[in-house]
Protein backbone atom coordinates (compact mmCIF):
# COMPACT_ATOMS: atom_id res chain seq x y z
CA MET A 1 0.00 0.00 0.00
CA GLU A 2 2.89 2.31 0.76
CA GLN A 3 4.27 1.82 -2.74
CA VAL A 4 0.93 2.76 -4.29
CA LEU A 5 0.66 5.95 -2.24
CA SER A 6 4.26 6.81 -3.06
CA TYR A 7 3.62 6.26 -6.77
CA ILE A 8 0.51 8.46 -6.68
CA GLY A 9 2.42 11.17 -4.81
CA GLU A 10 5.20 11.15 -7.41
CA ASN A 11 2.73 11.32 -10.32
CA MET A 12 0.15 13.86 -9.17
CA GLU A 13 0.14 15.52 -12.60
CA MET A 14 -1.14 12.28 -14.10
CA VAL A 15 -3.84 12.04 -11.43
CA TYR A 16 -4.98 15.58 -12.25
CA PHE A 17 -4.90 14.75 -15.95
CA LEU A 18 -7.02 11.64 -15.38
CA LEU A 19 -9.58 13.57 -13.31
CA LEU A 20 -9.77 16.30 -15.96
CA ALA A 21 -10.24 13.68 -18.70
CA ILE A 22 -13.06 12.02 -16.74
CA LEU A 23 -14.86 15.33 -16.14
CA LEU A 24 -14.42 16.43 -19.74
CA GLY A 25 -15.63 13.06 -21.05
CA VAL A 26 -18.75 13.16 -18.89
CA GLU A 27 -19.49 16.70 -20.03
CA VAL A 28 -19.06 15.88 -23.72
CA ILE A 29 -21.08 12.65 -23.60
CA SER A 30 -23.91 14.24 -21.62
CA ASN A 31 -24.34 16.90 -24.33
CA VAL A 32 -24.57 14.47 -27.26
CA PRO A 33 -28.09 14.21 -28.72
CA ALA A 34 -29.77 10.85 -28.17
CA ILE A 35 -29.99 10.13 -31.90
CA LEU A 36 -26.18 10.35 -32.24
CA HIS A 37 -25.29 8.51 -29.06
CA THR A 38 -25.46 4.92 -30.39
CA PRO A 39 -23.41 5.48 -33.58
CA LEU A 40 -20.76 7.46 -31.73
CA MET A 41 -20.46 4.95 -28.90
CA SER A 42 -20.29 1.95 -31.20
CA GLY A 43 -17.47 3.60 -33.14
CA ALA A 44 -15.68 4.58 -29.95
CA ASN A 45 -15.97 1.04 -28.62
CA ALA A 46 -14.45 -0.35 -31.80
CA ILE A 47 -11.55 2.10 -31.53
CA HIS A 48 -10.99 0.79 -28.02
CA GLY A 49 -8.88 -1.91 -29.66
CA VAL A 50 -5.97 0.51 -29.25
CA VAL A 51 -6.31 0.09 -25.48
CA VAL A 52 -6.09 -3.68 -25.88
CA VAL A 53 -2.88 -3.40 -27.90
CA GLY A 54 -1.42 -0.91 -25.41
CA ALA A 55 -2.25 -3.15 -22.46
CA ILE A 56 -0.60 -6.12 -24.17
CA ILE A 57 2.55 -4.04 -24.79
CA VAL A 58 2.62 -2.91 -21.15
CA MET A 59 2.21 -6.50 -19.98
CA LEU A 60 5.07 -7.62 -22.21
CA GLN A 61 7.34 -4.91 -20.75
CA ALA A 62 6.46 -5.67 -17.12
CA SER A 63 8.73 -7.88 -15.09
CA PRO A 64 7.32 -11.30 -14.17
CA ASP A 65 7.31 -10.47 -10.44
CA ASN A 66 5.37 -7.20 -10.88
CA TYR A 67 1.94 -8.61 -10.10
CA LEU A 68 0.25 -5.20 -9.96
CA ALA A 69 1.24 -4.30 -13.54
CA LEU A 70 0.34 -7.75 -14.81
CA SER A 71 -3.03 -7.74 -13.04
CA VAL A 72 -3.98 -4.27 -14.25
CA GLY A 73 -2.77 -5.16 -17.76
CA PHE A 74 -4.84 -8.34 -17.79
CA LEU A 75 -7.89 -6.43 -16.56
CA ALA A 76 -7.36 -3.80 -19.28
CA VAL A 77 -7.10 -6.49 -21.97
CA LEU A 78 -10.23 -8.22 -20.68
CA VAL A 79 -12.37 -5.09 -20.37
CA GLY A 80 -11.04 -3.65 -23.64
CA THR A 81 -11.84 -6.85 -25.50
CA LEU A 82 -15.37 -6.90 -24.08
CA ASN A 83 -15.79 -3.27 -25.11
CA VAL A 84 -14.62 -3.97 -28.67
CA ILE A 85 -16.98 -6.93 -28.99
CA GLY A 86 -19.83 -4.88 -27.54
CA GLY A 87 -19.14 -2.10 -30.01
CA PHE A 88 -19.40 -4.45 -32.94
CA VAL A 89 -22.57 -6.07 -31.56
CA VAL A 90 -24.24 -2.68 -31.10
CA THR A 91 -23.16 -1.58 -34.58
CA ASP A 92 -24.55 -4.78 -36.09
CA ARG A 93 -27.87 -4.34 -34.30
CA MET A 94 -28.01 -0.72 -35.41
CA LEU A 95 -27.37 -1.64 -39.04
CA GLU A 96 -30.08 -4.33 -38.87
CA MET A 97 -32.61 -1.55 -38.29
CA PHE A 98 -31.85 -0.07 -41.72
CA LYS A 99 -32.21 -3.27 -43.73
CA LYS A 100 -35.35 -3.57 -45.81
CA LYS A 101 -37.77 -6.09 -44.43
CA PRO A 102 -39.46 -8.45 -46.90
CA LYS A 103 -43.07 -7.58 -47.65
CA LYS A 104 -45.68 -9.89 -46.24
CA SER A 105 -48.20 -11.01 -48.82
């Protein structure tokens, strides 16, 4: 626990940056019209594949005894992969709405 607090103390700029990014993201997303929300989020979820690649690179660079980095990296890969899959599922469902339905006779 002491190492975590020490790390946070040494990297306060990054903590401020993260908090600013969270607040800015909430503000931007809350002002998006409802009709644009699904297409934007499905595209953003698909782009989340960059996070998966970054997490894999971080895990490859971490030493085998650094369990914190490996655990956080694994969690990032897992959540990022679920987000990418969810983005494609939502996009597929959205595109299904625009397909012409066969006429019933």
